[in-house]
């Protein structure tokens, strides 16, 4: 794409978090959510995650336990606010955080109050932690240190995505990255020990490239409106167009054939495809196990029904025999009585 056909406006969807003030002070906010106002709390922001990923709620419990058993008194005593992802609320239904100085709180920021709750959660936190979520960027906008842990069970949701690379590298990077819980605890403890760092260059480079004080939305609107005055270029069939279409079609078909994947897919694409296949295989195995369990249950129910009917038949035959015996006994008794009378 020629450079003169590109207009850089910034990320307009994040404009709402700039130049914003919290709706309440930290003491009031912490009382409302059930945390102590001091020391400052750590905010875990949950992620959407790929289908088939481990349950994040269990990972968060493991993370909380790591903090509570840390050698750092600061981490052991840090209050924790966990904001569930609105698309994965079900996994938290049976999770109990009581007794861990942690609370689960926060809804989807789709109206004025829930957006205020969300912003206050970021603003009043001492640090933001998670796996891979846009909340990282919003935490960076309010100047909070942002941490993540890259571990094997979650890595496909991180390095397996294109945008995670920007979080690592754009403008010097936004994230404090650790590849083990020990490394993460060391970095998080260091963040809590120092005052807030302020907005990182990442926000300037990635979110507001025209300046931190320059909102992206007006620039975007102006750029879109300016396009109305442009005349579209006349379409021109490139040389060898039919040949390229044929080659492109063949390459597209090769992508669907496993034996050619090494030729037409990148290493990252092959890795993602392999994870997708493994996920599908696991789901197929679960469905097969469920079918077998349903079939076994059906057979057990059928057998129980047959046994119940057999018992009923036996009971009826027994009752019939008893009545017949009683009738015969009465007849014999009456005959004997008549014989004695005669």
C-alpha atoms as a PDB file:
ATOM      1  CA  UNK A   1       0.000   0.000   0.000  1.00  0.00           C
ATOM      2  CA  UNK A   2       1.536   3.368  -1.008  1.00  0.00           C
ATOM      3  CA  UNK A   3       2.341   5.589   1.990  1.00  0.00           C
ATOM      4  CA  UNK A   4       0.290   8.484   0.578  1.00  0.00           C
ATOM      5  CA  UNK A   5      -2.837   6.318   0.788  1.00  0.00           C
ATOM      6  CA  UNK A   6      -2.437   5.653   4.520  1.00  0.00           C
ATOM      7  CA  UNK A   7      -3.651   8.000   7.256  1.00  0.00           C
ATOM      8  CA  UNK A   8      -2.606   7.258  10.830  1.00  0.00           C
ATOM      9  CA  UNK A   9      -5.266   8.447  13.270  1.00  0.00           C
ATOM     10  CA  UNK A  10      -4.662   6.317  16.360  1.00  0.00           C
ATOM     11  CA  UNK A  11      -6.994   3.952  18.221  1.00  0.00           C
ATOM     12  CA  UNK A  12     -10.252   5.847  18.614  1.00  0.00           C
ATOM     13  CA  UNK A  13     -11.919   3.173  20.761  1.00  0.00           C
ATOM     14  CA  UNK A  14      -9.554   4.071  23.625  1.00  0.00           C
ATOM     15  CA  UNK A  15     -10.303   7.812  23.598  1.00  0.00           C
ATOM     16  CA  UNK A  16     -12.874   7.428  26.374  1.00  0.00           C
ATOM     17  CA  UNK A  17     -10.179   6.461  28.909  1.00  0.00           C
ATOM     18  CA  UNK A  18      -7.967   9.536  28.385  1.00  0.00           C
ATOM     19  CA  UNK A  19      -8.447  12.734  30.427  1.00  0.00           C
ATOM     20  CA  UNK A  20     -10.910  10.910  32.671  1.00  0.00           C
ATOM     21  CA  UNK A  21     -11.190  11.289  36.436  1.00  0.00           C
ATOM     22  CA  UNK A  22     -12.268   8.539  38.856  1.00  0.00           C
ATOM     23  CA  UNK A  23     -15.860   8.699  40.054  1.00  0.00           C
ATOM     24  CA  UNK A  24     -14.868   8.116  43.714  1.00  0.00           C
ATOM     25  CA  UNK A  25     -11.756   8.100  45.862  1.00  0.00           C
ATOM     26  CA  UNK A  26      -9.905   4.878  46.597  1.00  0.00           C
ATOM     27  CA  UNK A  27     -11.239   4.555  50.139  1.00  0.00           C
ATOM     28  CA  UNK A  28     -14.851   4.774  48.986  1.00  0.00           C
ATOM     29  CA  UNK A  29     -14.218   2.443  46.050  1.00  0.00           C
ATOM     30  CA  UNK A  30     -12.519  -0.208  48.203  1.00  0.00           C
ATOM     31  CA  UNK A  31     -15.272  -0.111  50.815  1.00  0.00           C
ATOM     32  CA  UNK A  32     -17.880  -0.644  48.109  1.00  0.00           C
ATOM     33  CA  UNK A  33     -16.152  -3.708  46.666  1.00  0.00           C
ATOM     34  CA  UNK A  34     -15.116  -5.182  50.024  1.00  0.00           C
ATOM     35  CA  UNK A  35     -11.354  -4.556  50.113  1.00  0.00           C
ATOM     36  CA  UNK A  36      -9.175  -2.599  52.501  1.00  0.00           C
ATOM     37  CA  UNK A  37      -8.043   0.761  51.135  1.00  0.00           C
ATOM     38  CA  UNK A  38      -4.446   0.108  52.179  1.00  0.00           C
ATOM     39  CA  UNK A  39      -2.199  -1.291  50.913  1.00  0.00           C
ATOM     40  CA  UNK A  40      -3.168  -0.620  47.276  1.00  0.00           C
ATOM     41  CA  UNK A  41      -4.736  -3.599  45.544  1.00  0.00           C
ATOM     42  CA  UNK A  42      -3.505  -5.622  42.561  1.00  0.00           C
ATOM     43  CA  UNK A  43      -6.010  -5.921  39.693  1.00  0.00           C
ATOM     44  CA  UNK A  44      -6.321  -9.177  37.729  1.00  0.00           C
ATOM     45  CA  UNK A  45      -8.130  -8.560  34.426  1.00  0.00           C
ATOM     46  CA  UNK A  46      -9.540 -11.719  32.875  1.00  0.00           C
ATOM     47  CA  UNK A  47      -9.314 -12.547  29.169  1.00  0.00           C
ATOM     48  CA  UNK A  48     -11.609 -13.996  26.497  1.00  0.00           C
ATOM     49  CA  UNK A  49      -9.166 -16.844  25.627  1.00  0.00           C
ATOM     50  CA  UNK A  50      -9.396 -19.330  22.769  1.00  0.00           C
ATOM     51  CA  UNK A  51     -11.985 -22.059  22.772  1.00  0.00           C
ATOM     52  CA  UNK A  52     -10.571 -25.142  24.457  1.00  0.00           C
ATOM     53  CA  UNK A  53      -8.190 -23.147  26.679  1.00  0.00           C
ATOM     54  CA  UNK A  54      -7.793 -24.050  30.357  1.00  0.00           C
ATOM     55  CA  UNK A  55     -10.281 -22.482  32.784  1.00  0.00           C
ATOM     56  CA  UNK A  56      -8.854 -19.091  33.721  1.00  0.00           C
ATOM     57  CA  UNK A  57     -10.584 -19.115  37.116  1.00  0.00           C
ATOM     58  CA  UNK A  58      -8.433 -22.069  38.198  1.00  0.00           C
ATOM     59  CA  UNK A  59      -5.310 -20.321  36.896  1.00  0.00           C
ATOM     60  CA  UNK A  60      -6.198 -17.194  38.905  1.00  0.00           C
ATOM     61  CA  UNK A  61      -6.616 -19.285  42.065  1.00  0.00           C
ATOM     62  CA  UNK A  62      -3.151 -20.721  41.449  1.00  0.00           C
ATOM     63  CA  UNK A  63      -1.809 -17.178  40.991  1.00  0.00           C
ATOM     64  CA  UNK A  64      -3.429 -15.968  44.225  1.00  0.00           C
ATOM     65  CA  UNK A  65      -1.927 -18.920  46.088  1.00  0.00           C
ATOM     66  CA  UNK A  66       1.502 -18.032  44.656  1.00  0.00           C
ATOM     67  CA  UNK A  67       1.176 -14.473  45.986  1.00  0.00           C
ATOM     68  CA  UNK A  68       0.003 -15.653  49.407  1.00  0.00           C
ATOM     69  CA  UNK A  69       2.900 -18.090  49.767  1.00  0.00           C
ATOM     70  CA  UNK A  70       5.479 -15.599  48.455  1.00  0.00           C
ATOM     71  CA  UNK A  71       8.553 -14.639  50.443  1.00  0.00           C
ATOM     72  CA  UNK A  72       7.512 -11.005  50.021  1.00  0.00           C
ATOM     73  CA  UNK A  73       5.316  -9.627  52.798  1.00  0.00           C
ATOM     74  CA  UNK A  74       4.115  -7.003  50.313  1.00  0.00           C
ATOM     75  CA  UNK A  75       2.713  -9.695  48.005  1.00  0.00           C
ATOM     76  CA  UNK A  76       1.329 -11.828  50.823  1.00  0.00           C
ATOM     77  CA  UNK A  77      -0.699  -8.890  52.126  1.00  0.00           C
ATOM     78  CA  UNK A  78      -1.689  -7.230  48.842  1.00  0.00           C
ATOM     79  CA  UNK A  79      -5.478  -7.028  48.366  1.00  0.00           C
ATOM     80  CA  UNK A  80      -6.620  -8.459  45.048  1.00  0.00           C
ATOM     81  CA  UNK A  81      -9.489  -7.446  42.779  1.00  0.00           C
ATOM     82  CA  UNK A  82     -10.410  -9.938  40.047  1.00  0.00           C
ATOM     83  CA  UNK A  83     -12.507  -8.621  37.176  1.00  0.00           C
ATOM     84  CA  UNK A  84     -14.157 -11.550  35.322  1.00  0.00           C
ATOM     85  CA  UNK A  85     -14.446 -11.430  31.555  1.00  0.00           C
ATOM     86  CA  UNK A  86     -18.123 -10.940  30.581  1.00  0.00           C
ATOM     87  CA  UNK A  87     -17.993 -13.864  28.129  1.00  0.00           C
ATOM     88  CA  UNK A  88     -16.661 -16.323  30.736  1.00  0.00           C
ATOM     89  CA  UNK A  89     -18.732 -15.620  33.847  1.00  0.00           C
ATOM     90  CA  UNK A  90     -19.946 -19.221  34.181  1.00  0.00           C
ATOM     91  CA  UNK A  91     -16.516 -20.530  35.210  1.00  0.00           C
ATOM     92  CA  UNK A  92     -16.627 -18.345  38.345  1.00  0.00           C
ATOM     93  CA  UNK A  93     -19.995 -19.572  39.665  1.00  0.00           C
ATOM     94  CA  UNK A  94     -18.525 -22.123  42.096  1.00  0.00           C
ATOM     95  CA  UNK A  95     -15.317 -20.228  42.942  1.00  0.00           C
ATOM     96  CA  UNK A  96     -14.982 -18.972  46.510  1.00  0.00           C
ATOM     97  CA  UNK A  97     -12.386 -16.234  47.121  1.00  0.00           C
ATOM     98  CA  UNK A  98     -13.351 -15.634  50.747  1.00  0.00           C
ATOM     99  CA  UNK A  99     -10.453 -15.723  53.180  1.00  0.00           C
ATOM    100  CA  UNK A 100      -7.883 -14.816  50.518  1.00  0.00           C
ATOM    101  CA  UNK A 101      -8.156 -11.009  50.803  1.00  0.00           C
ATOM    102  CA  UNK A 102      -9.510 -11.052  47.255  1.00  0.00           C
ATOM    103  CA  UNK A 103     -12.830 -10.183  45.651  1.00  0.00           C
ATOM    104  CA  UNK A 104     -14.485 -10.941  42.324  1.00  0.00           C
ATOM    105  CA  UNK A 105     -16.203  -7.801  41.089  1.00  0.00           C
ATOM    106  CA  UNK A 106     -17.060  -5.868  37.937  1.00  0.00           C
ATOM    107  CA  UNK A 107     -19.385  -6.080  34.950  1.00  0.00           C
ATOM    108  CA  UNK A 108     -19.255  -5.444  31.221  1.00  0.00           C
ATOM    109  CA  UNK A 109     -18.468  -1.695  30.774  1.00  0.00           C
ATOM    110  CA  UNK A 110     -21.358  -0.931  28.440  1.00  0.00           C
ATOM    111  CA  UNK A 111     -23.090   1.915  30.298  1.00  0.00           C
ATOM    112  CA  UNK A 112     -22.027   4.989  32.260  1.00  0.00           C
ATOM    113  CA  UNK A 113     -21.934   3.331  35.690  1.00  0.00           C
ATOM    114  CA  UNK A 114     -20.182   0.133  34.606  1.00  0.00           C
ATOM    115  CA  UNK A 115     -17.612   2.186  32.664  1.00  0.00           C
ATOM    116  CA  UNK A 116     -16.991   4.287  35.783  1.00  0.00           C
ATOM    117  CA  UNK A 117     -16.582   1.075  37.814  1.00  0.00           C
ATOM    118  CA  UNK A 118     -14.117  -0.242  35.258  1.00  0.00           C
ATOM    119  CA  UNK A 119     -12.062   2.952  35.130  1.00  0.00           C
ATOM    120  CA  UNK A 120     -11.976   3.242  38.922  1.00  0.00           C
ATOM    121  CA  UNK A 121     -10.737  -0.365  39.107  1.00  0.00           C
ATOM    122  CA  UNK A 122      -7.807   0.510  36.847  1.00  0.00           C
ATOM    123  CA  UNK A 123      -7.127   3.936  38.339  1.00  0.00           C
ATOM    124  CA  UNK A 124      -7.040   2.867  41.977  1.00  0.00           C
ATOM    125  CA  UNK A 125      -4.971  -0.292  41.382  1.00  0.00           C
ATOM    126  CA  UNK A 126      -1.265  -0.506  42.070  1.00  0.00           C
ATOM    127  CA  UNK A 127      -0.647  -2.891  39.157  1.00  0.00           C
ATOM    128  CA  UNK A 128      -2.597  -4.733  36.464  1.00  0.00           C
ATOM    129  CA  UNK A 129      -2.067  -8.447  35.766  1.00  0.00           C
ATOM    130  CA  UNK A 130      -3.622 -10.808  33.225  1.00  0.00           C
ATOM    131  CA  UNK A 131      -3.054 -13.165  30.303  1.00  0.00           C
ATOM    132  CA  UNK A 132      -3.909 -11.227  27.127  1.00  0.00           C
ATOM    133  CA  UNK A 133      -6.631  -8.581  27.041  1.00  0.00           C
ATOM    134  CA  UNK A 134      -7.313  -5.056  25.807  1.00  0.00           C
ATOM    135  CA  UNK A 135      -7.479  -4.065  29.481  1.00  0.00           C
ATOM    136  CA  UNK A 136      -3.668  -4.123  29.331  1.00  0.00           C
ATOM    137  CA  UNK A 137      -3.778  -1.093  27.049  1.00  0.00           C
ATOM    138  CA  UNK A 138      -6.317   0.678  29.247  1.00  0.00           C
ATOM    139  CA  UNK A 139      -4.157  -0.021  32.282  1.00  0.00           C
ATOM    140  CA  UNK A 140      -1.239   1.519  30.407  1.00  0.00           C
ATOM    141  CA  UNK A 141      -3.332   4.595  29.583  1.00  0.00           C
ATOM    142  CA  UNK A 142      -3.869   5.316  33.288  1.00  0.00           C
ATOM    143  CA  UNK A 143      -0.155   4.764  33.922  1.00  0.00           C
ATOM    144  CA  UNK A 144      -0.240   1.471  35.802  1.00  0.00           C
ATOM    145  CA  UNK A 145       2.465  -1.206  35.421  1.00  0.00           C
ATOM    146  CA  UNK A 146       1.031  -4.115  33.416  1.00  0.00           C
ATOM    147  CA  UNK A 147       2.218  -7.679  34.021  1.00  0.00           C
ATOM    148  CA  UNK A 148       1.667 -11.023  32.323  1.00  0.00           C
ATOM    149  CA  UNK A 149       2.927 -14.583  32.808  1.00  0.00           C
ATOM    150  CA  UNK A 150       3.734 -16.700  29.764  1.00  0.00           C
ATOM    151  CA  UNK A 151       3.291 -20.335  30.774  1.00  0.00           C
ATOM    152  CA  UNK A 152       2.801 -23.346  28.464  1.00  0.00           C
ATOM    153  CA  UNK A 153      -0.896 -23.857  29.199  1.00  0.00           C
ATOM    154  CA  UNK A 154      -1.730 -20.258  28.248  1.00  0.00           C
ATOM    155  CA  UNK A 155       0.963 -19.400  25.705  1.00  0.00           C
ATOM    156  CA  UNK A 156      -1.203 -20.010  22.611  1.00  0.00           C
ATOM    157  CA  UNK A 157      -3.436 -17.152  23.827  1.00  0.00           C
ATOM    158  CA  UNK A 158      -0.401 -14.892  24.015  1.00  0.00           C
ATOM    159  CA  UNK A 159       2.471 -15.480  21.615  1.00  0.00           C
ATOM    160  CA  UNK A 160       0.031 -17.376  19.378  1.00  0.00           C
ATOM    161  CA  UNK A 161      -1.722 -14.091  18.522  1.00  0.00           C
ATOM    162  CA  UNK A 162      -0.497 -11.300  16.253  1.00  0.00           C
ATOM    163  CA  UNK A 163      -1.399  -8.374  18.510  1.00  0.00           C
ATOM    164  CA  UNK A 164       0.497  -9.725  21.533  1.00  0.00           C
ATOM    165  CA  UNK A 165       3.735  -8.964  19.690  1.00  0.00           C
ATOM    166  CA  UNK A 166       2.735  -5.272  19.616  1.00  0.00           C
ATOM    167  CA  UNK A 167       2.166  -5.299  23.376  1.00  0.00           C
ATOM    168  CA  UNK A 168       5.689  -6.651  23.767  1.00  0.00           C
ATOM    169  CA  UNK A 169       7.543  -4.420  21.328  1.00  0.00           C
ATOM    170  CA  UNK A 170       5.651  -1.312  20.143  1.00  0.00           C
ATOM    171  CA  UNK A 171       7.142   1.831  21.664  1.00  0.00           C
ATOM    172  CA  UNK A 172       9.504  -0.253  23.758  1.00  0.00           C
ATOM    173  CA  UNK A 173       6.713  -2.519  24.946  1.00  0.00           C
ATOM    174  CA  UNK A 174       3.913  -2.216  27.465  1.00  0.00           C
ATOM    175  CA  UNK A 175       4.159  -5.494  29.365  1.00  0.00           C
ATOM    176  CA  UNK A 176       6.307  -6.699  32.227  1.00  0.00           C
ATOM    177  CA  UNK A 177       6.698 -10.270  30.980  1.00  0.00           C
ATOM    178  CA  UNK A 178       7.628 -13.285  33.091  1.00  0.00           C
ATOM    179  CA  UNK A 179       7.992 -16.915  32.038  1.00  0.00           C
ATOM    180  CA  UNK A 180       7.559 -18.425  35.476  1.00  0.00           C
ATOM    181  CA  UNK A 181       5.661 -17.618  38.648  1.00  0.00           C
ATOM    182  CA  UNK A 182       8.921 -16.910  40.503  1.00  0.00           C
ATOM    183  CA  UNK A 183      10.005 -14.361  37.892  1.00  0.00           C
ATOM    184  CA  UNK A 184       6.544 -12.819  37.863  1.00  0.00           C
ATOM    185  CA  UNK A 185       6.427 -12.453  41.648  1.00  0.00           C
ATOM    186  CA  UNK A 186       9.829 -10.737  41.618  1.00  0.00           C
ATOM    187  CA  UNK A 187       8.730  -8.239  38.971  1.00  0.00           C
ATOM    188  CA  UNK A 188       5.324  -7.625  40.542  1.00  0.00           C
ATOM    189  CA  UNK A 189       6.914  -7.040  43.953  1.00  0.00           C
ATOM    190  CA  UNK A 190       9.276  -4.498  42.377  1.00  0.00           C
ATOM    191  CA  UNK A 191       6.313  -2.688  40.773  1.00  0.00           C
ATOM    192  CA  UNK A 192       4.465  -2.473  44.087  1.00  0.00           C
ATOM    193  CA  UNK A 193       7.603  -1.207  45.825  1.00  0.00           C
ATOM    194  CA  UNK A 194       7.961   1.852  43.623  1.00  0.00           C
ATOM    195  CA  UNK A 195       5.638   4.711  42.850  1.00  0.00           C
ATOM    196  CA  UNK A 196       3.493   4.620  39.716  1.00  0.00           C
ATOM    197  CA  UNK A 197       5.688   4.817  36.616  1.00  0.00           C
ATOM    198  CA  UNK A 198       3.330   6.940  34.539  1.00  0.00           C
ATOM    199  CA  UNK A 199       2.308   6.504  30.916  1.00  0.00           C
ATOM    200  CA  UNK A 200       4.793   4.463  28.910  1.00  0.00           C
ATOM    201  CA  UNK A 201       5.986   5.401  25.382  1.00  0.00           C
ATOM    202  CA  UNK A 202       3.904   2.434  24.124  1.00  0.00           C
ATOM    203  CA  UNK A 203       0.716   4.458  24.609  1.00  0.00           C
ATOM    204  CA  UNK A 204       2.140   7.320  22.552  1.00  0.00           C
ATOM    205  CA  UNK A 205       3.349   5.031  19.770  1.00  0.00           C
ATOM    206  CA  UNK A 206       0.503   2.533  19.574  1.00  0.00           C
ATOM    207  CA  UNK A 207      -2.632   4.325  20.794  1.00  0.00           C
ATOM    208  CA  UNK A 208      -2.123   8.041  20.141  1.00  0.00           C
ATOM    209  CA  UNK A 209       0.656   8.421  17.576  1.00  0.00           C
ATOM    210  CA  UNK A 210      -0.284  12.066  16.950  1.00  0.00           C
ATOM    211  CA  UNK A 211       0.321  12.999  20.586  1.00  0.00           C
ATOM    212  CA  UNK A 212      -1.117  11.955  23.934  1.00  0.00           C
ATOM    213  CA  UNK A 213      -3.317  15.053  23.987  1.00  0.00           C
ATOM    214  CA  UNK A 214      -4.646  14.470  20.448  1.00  0.00           C
ATOM    215  CA  UNK A 215      -7.819  12.361  20.437  1.00  0.00           C
ATOM    216  CA  UNK A 216      -8.004   9.809  17.642  1.00  0.00           C
ATOM    217  CA  UNK A 217     -11.759   9.960  17.017  1.00  0.00           C
ATOM    218  CA  UNK A 218     -11.908  13.470  15.460  1.00  0.00           C
ATOM    219  CA  UNK A 219      -8.936  12.634  13.232  1.00  0.00           C
ATOM    220  CA  UNK A 220     -10.607   9.416  12.150  1.00  0.00           C
ATOM    221  CA  UNK A 221     -13.883  11.208  11.343  1.00  0.00           C
ATOM    222  CA  UNK A 222     -12.070  13.924   9.381  1.00  0.00           C
ATOM    223  CA  UNK A 223     -10.119  11.334   7.419  1.00  0.00           C
ATOM    224  CA  UNK A 224     -13.226   9.343   6.539  1.00  0.00           C
ATOM    225  CA  UNK A 225     -15.089  12.473   5.447  1.00  0.00           C
ATOM    226  CA  UNK A 226     -12.110  13.579   3.367  1.00  0.00           C
ATOM    227  CA  UNK A 227     -12.273  10.310   1.455  1.00  0.00           C
ATOM    228  CA  UNK A 228     -15.588  11.444  -0.045  1.00  0.00           C
ATOM    229  CA  UNK A 229     -13.674  13.917  -2.223  1.00  0.00           C
ATOM    230  CA  UNK A 230     -11.316  11.291  -3.601  1.00  0.00           C
ATOM    231  CA  UNK A 231     -11.861   9.771  -7.004  1.00  0.00           C
ATOM    232  CA  UNK A 232     -11.416   6.018  -7.120  1.00  0.00           C
ATOM    233  CA  UNK A 233      -8.654   4.841  -9.390  1.00  0.00           C
ATOM    234  CA  UNK A 234      -9.825   3.107 -12.536  1.00  0.00           C
ATOM    235  CA  UNK A 235      -9.449  -0.644 -12.147  1.00  0.00           C
ATOM    236  CA  UNK A 236      -6.707  -2.102 -14.265  1.00  0.00           C
ATOM    237  CA  UNK A 237      -6.216  -5.771 -14.758  1.00  0.00           C
ATOM    238  CA  UNK A 238      -2.620  -6.624 -13.832  1.00  0.00           C
ATOM    239  CA  UNK A 239      -0.456  -8.508 -16.239  1.00  0.00           C
ATOM    240  CA  UNK A 240      -0.877 -12.251 -16.004  1.00  0.00           C
ATOM    241  CA  UNK A 241      -4.041 -11.741 -13.934  1.00  0.00           C
ATOM    242  CA  UNK A 242      -5.553 -15.077 -14.928  1.00  0.00           C
ATOM    243  CA  UNK A 243      -2.290 -16.863 -14.115  1.00  0.00           C
ATOM    244  CA  UNK A 244      -2.105 -15.246 -10.682  1.00  0.00           C
ATOM    245  CA  UNK A 245      -5.731 -16.169  -9.970  1.00  0.00           C
ATOM    246  CA  UNK A 246      -4.997 -19.749 -10.925  1.00  0.00           C
ATOM    247  CA  UNK A 247      -1.884 -19.890  -8.741  1.00  0.00           C
ATOM    248  CA  UNK A 248      -3.679 -18.213  -5.825  1.00  0.00           C
ATOM    249  CA  UNK A 249      -6.544 -20.690  -6.080  1.00  0.00           C
ATOM    250  CA  UNK A 250      -4.148 -23.604  -6.107  1.00  0.00           C
ATOM    251  CA  UNK A 251      -2.218 -22.213  -3.128  1.00  0.00           C
ATOM    252  CA  UNK A 252      -5.474 -21.779  -1.220  1.00  0.00           C
ATOM    253  CA  UNK A 253      -6.353 -25.408  -1.880  1.00  0.00           C
ATOM    254  CA  UNK A 254      -2.896 -26.532  -0.761  1.00  0.00           C
ATOM    255  CA  UNK A 255      -3.444 -24.808   2.616  1.00  0.00           C
ATOM    256  CA  UNK A 256      -6.283 -27.245   3.256  1.00  0.00           C
ATOM    257  CA  UNK A 257      -4.120 -30.317   2.595  1.00  0.00           C
ATOM    258  CA  UNK A 258      -2.076 -31.386   5.582  1.00  0.00           C
ATOM    259  CA  UNK A 259       0.802 -32.807   3.543  1.00  0.00           C
ATOM    260  CA  UNK A 260       1.498 -29.362   1.989  1.00  0.00           C
ATOM    261  CA  UNK A 261       1.291 -27.323   5.191  1.00  0.00           C
ATOM    262  CA  UNK A 262       5.057 -27.109   5.508  1.00  0.00           C
ATOM    263  CA  UNK A 263       5.202 -25.359   2.128  1.00  0.00           C
ATOM    264  CA  UNK A 264       2.427 -22.808   2.448  1.00  0.00           C
ATOM    265  CA  UNK A 265       2.025 -22.100   6.192  1.00  0.00           C
ATOM    266  CA  UNK A 266       4.324 -20.230   8.540  1.00  0.00           C
ATOM    267  CA  UNK A 267       5.602 -21.892  11.690  1.00  0.00           C
ATOM    268  CA  UNK A 268       3.158 -19.840  13.790  1.00  0.00           C
ATOM    269  CA  UNK A 269       0.248 -20.802  11.529  1.00  0.00           C
ATOM    270  CA  UNK A 270       1.210 -24.469  11.712  1.00  0.00           C
ATOM    271  CA  UNK A 271       1.415 -24.241  15.491  1.00  0.00           C
ATOM    272  CA  UNK A 272      -2.000 -22.584  15.737  1.00  0.00           C
ATOM    273  CA  UNK A 273      -3.485 -25.146  13.337  1.00  0.00           C
ATOM    274  CA  UNK A 274      -2.020 -28.015  15.348  1.00  0.00           C
ATOM    275  CA  UNK A 275      -3.502 -26.586  18.550  1.00  0.00           C
ATOM    276  CA  UNK A 276      -6.854 -26.231  16.787  1.00  0.00           C
ATOM    277  CA  UNK A 277      -6.720 -29.872  15.656  1.00  0.00           C
ATOM    278  CA  UNK A 278      -5.812 -31.014  19.158  1.00  0.00           C
ATOM    279  CA  UNK A 279      -8.682 -28.984  20.577  1.00  0.00           C
ATOM    280  CA  UNK A 280     -11.096 -30.499  18.074  1.00  0.00           C
ATOM    281  CA  UNK A 281      -9.780 -33.980  18.865  1.00  0.00           C
ATOM    282  CA  UNK A 282     -10.268 -33.415  22.597  1.00  0.00           C
ATOM    283  CA  UNK A 283     -13.811 -32.207  21.983  1.00  0.00           C
ATOM    284  CA  UNK A 284     -14.522 -35.191  19.735  1.00  0.00           C
ATOM    285  CA  UNK A 285     -13.256 -37.519  22.454  1.00  0.00           C
ATOM    286  CA  UNK A 286     -15.446 -35.792  25.017  1.00  0.00           C
ATOM    287  CA  UNK A 287     -18.477 -36.091  22.720  1.00  0.00           C
ATOM    288  CA  UNK A 288     -17.674 -39.772  22.100  1.00  0.00           C
ATOM    289  CA  UNK A 289     -17.358 -40.415  25.832  1.00  0.00           C
ATOM    290  CA  UNK A 290     -20.648 -38.617  26.429  1.00  0.00           C
ATOM    291  CA  UNK A 291     -22.357 -40.707  23.733  1.00  0.00           C
ATOM    292  CA  UNK A 292     -20.991 -43.911  25.234  1.00  0.00           C
ATOM    293  CA  UNK A 293     -22.081 -42.817  28.706  1.00  0.00           C
ATOM    294  CA  UNK A 294     -25.579 -42.020  27.419  1.00  0.00           C
ATOM    295  CA  UNK A 295     -25.730 -45.383  25.641  1.00  0.00           C
ATOM    296  CA  UNK A 296     -24.602 -47.217  28.796  1.00  0.00           C
ATOM    297  CA  UNK A 297     -27.151 -45.313  30.856  1.00  0.00           C
ATOM    298  CA  UNK A 298     -29.853 -46.181  28.342  1.00  0.00           C
ATOM    299  CA  UNK A 299     -28.923 -49.870  28.460  1.00  0.00           C
ATOM    300  CA  UNK A 300     -28.904 -49.820  32.261  1.00  0.00           C
ATOM    301  CA  UNK A 301     -32.325 -48.192  32.294  1.00  0.00           C
ATOM    302  CA  UNK A 302     -33.634 -50.774  29.794  1.00  0.00           C
ATOM    303  CA  UNK A 303     -32.242 -53.619  31.915  1.00  0.00           C
ATOM    304  CA  UNK A 304     -33.802 -52.152  35.041  1.00  0.00           C
ATOM    305  CA  UNK A 305     -37.135 -51.873  33.240  1.00  0.00           C
ATOM    306  CA  UNK A 306     -36.922 -55.510  32.096  1.00  0.00           C
ATOM    307  CA  UNK A 307     -36.012 -56.629  35.619  1.00  0.00           C
ATOM    308  CA  UNK A 308     -38.896 -54.603  37.086  1.00  0.00           C
ATOM    309  CA  UNK A 309     -41.345 -56.145  34.631  1.00  0.00           C
ATOM    310  CA  UNK A 310     -40.029 -59.639  35.432  1.00  0.00           C
ATOM    311  CA  UNK A 311     -40.521 -58.956  39.140  1.00  0.00           C
ATOM    312  CA  UNK A 312     -44.052 -57.726  38.465  1.00  0.00           C
ATOM    313  CA  UNK A 313     -44.853 -60.869  36.461  1.00  0.00           C
ATOM    314  CA  UNK A 314     -43.427 -63.078  39.199  1.00  0.00           C
ATOM    315  CA  UNK A 315     -45.443 -61.194  41.809  1.00  0.00           C
ATOM    316  CA  UNK A 316     -48.626 -61.595  39.765  1.00  0.00           C
ATOM    317  CA  UNK A 317     -47.984 -65.329  39.321  1.00  0.00           C
ATOM    318  CA  UNK A 318     -47.343 -65.701  43.030  1.00  0.00           C
ATOM    319  CA  UNK A 319     -50.538 -63.830  43.878  1.00  0.00           C
ATOM    320  CA  UNK A 320     -52.474 -65.910  41.348  1.00  0.00           C
ATOM    321  CA  UNK A 321     -51.127 -69.123  42.853  1.00  0.00           C
ATOM    322  CA  UNK A 322     -51.971 -67.941  46.361  1.00  0.00           C
ATOM    323  CA  UNK A 323     -55.554 -67.146  45.418  1.00  0.00           C
ATOM    324  CA  UNK A 324     -55.952 -70.462  43.594  1.00  0.00           C
ATOM    325  CA  UNK A 325     -54.651 -72.327  46.633  1.00  0.00           C
ATOM    326  CA  UNK A 326     -57.057 -70.456  48.885  1.00  0.00           C
ATOM    327  CA  UNK A 327     -59.954 -71.284  46.550  1.00  0.00           C
ATOM    328  CA  UNK A 328     -59.017 -74.963  46.508  1.00  0.00           C
ATOM    329  CA  UNK A 329     -58.731 -74.974  50.280  1.00  0.00           C
ATOM    330  CA  UNK A 330     -62.228 -73.485  50.595  1.00  0.00           C
ATOM    331  CA  UNK A 331     -63.684 -76.053  48.159  1.00  0.00           C
ATOM    332  CA  UNK A 332     -62.014 -78.893  50.011  1.00  0.00           C
ATOM    333  CA  UNK A 333     -63.237 -77.550  53.329  1.00  0.00           C
ATOM    334  CA  UNK A 334     -66.826 -77.249  52.045  1.00  0.00           C
ATOM    335  CA  UNK A 335     -66.724 -80.790  50.608  1.00  0.00           C
ATOM    336  CA  UNK A 336     -65.429 -82.152  53.863  1.00  0.00           C
ATOM    337  CA  UNK A 337     -68.144 -80.308  55.766  1.00  0.00           C
ATOM    338  CA  UNK A 338     -70.879 -81.757  53.545  1.00  0.00           C
ATOM    339  CA  UNK A 339     -69.497 -85.253  53.964  1.00  0.00           C
ATOM    340  CA  UNK A 340     -69.531 -84.951  57.743  1.00  0.00           C
ATOM    341  CA  UNK A 341     -73.086 -83.576  57.656  1.00  0.00           C
ATOM    342  CA  UNK A 342     -74.281 -86.458  55.404  1.00  0.00           C
END
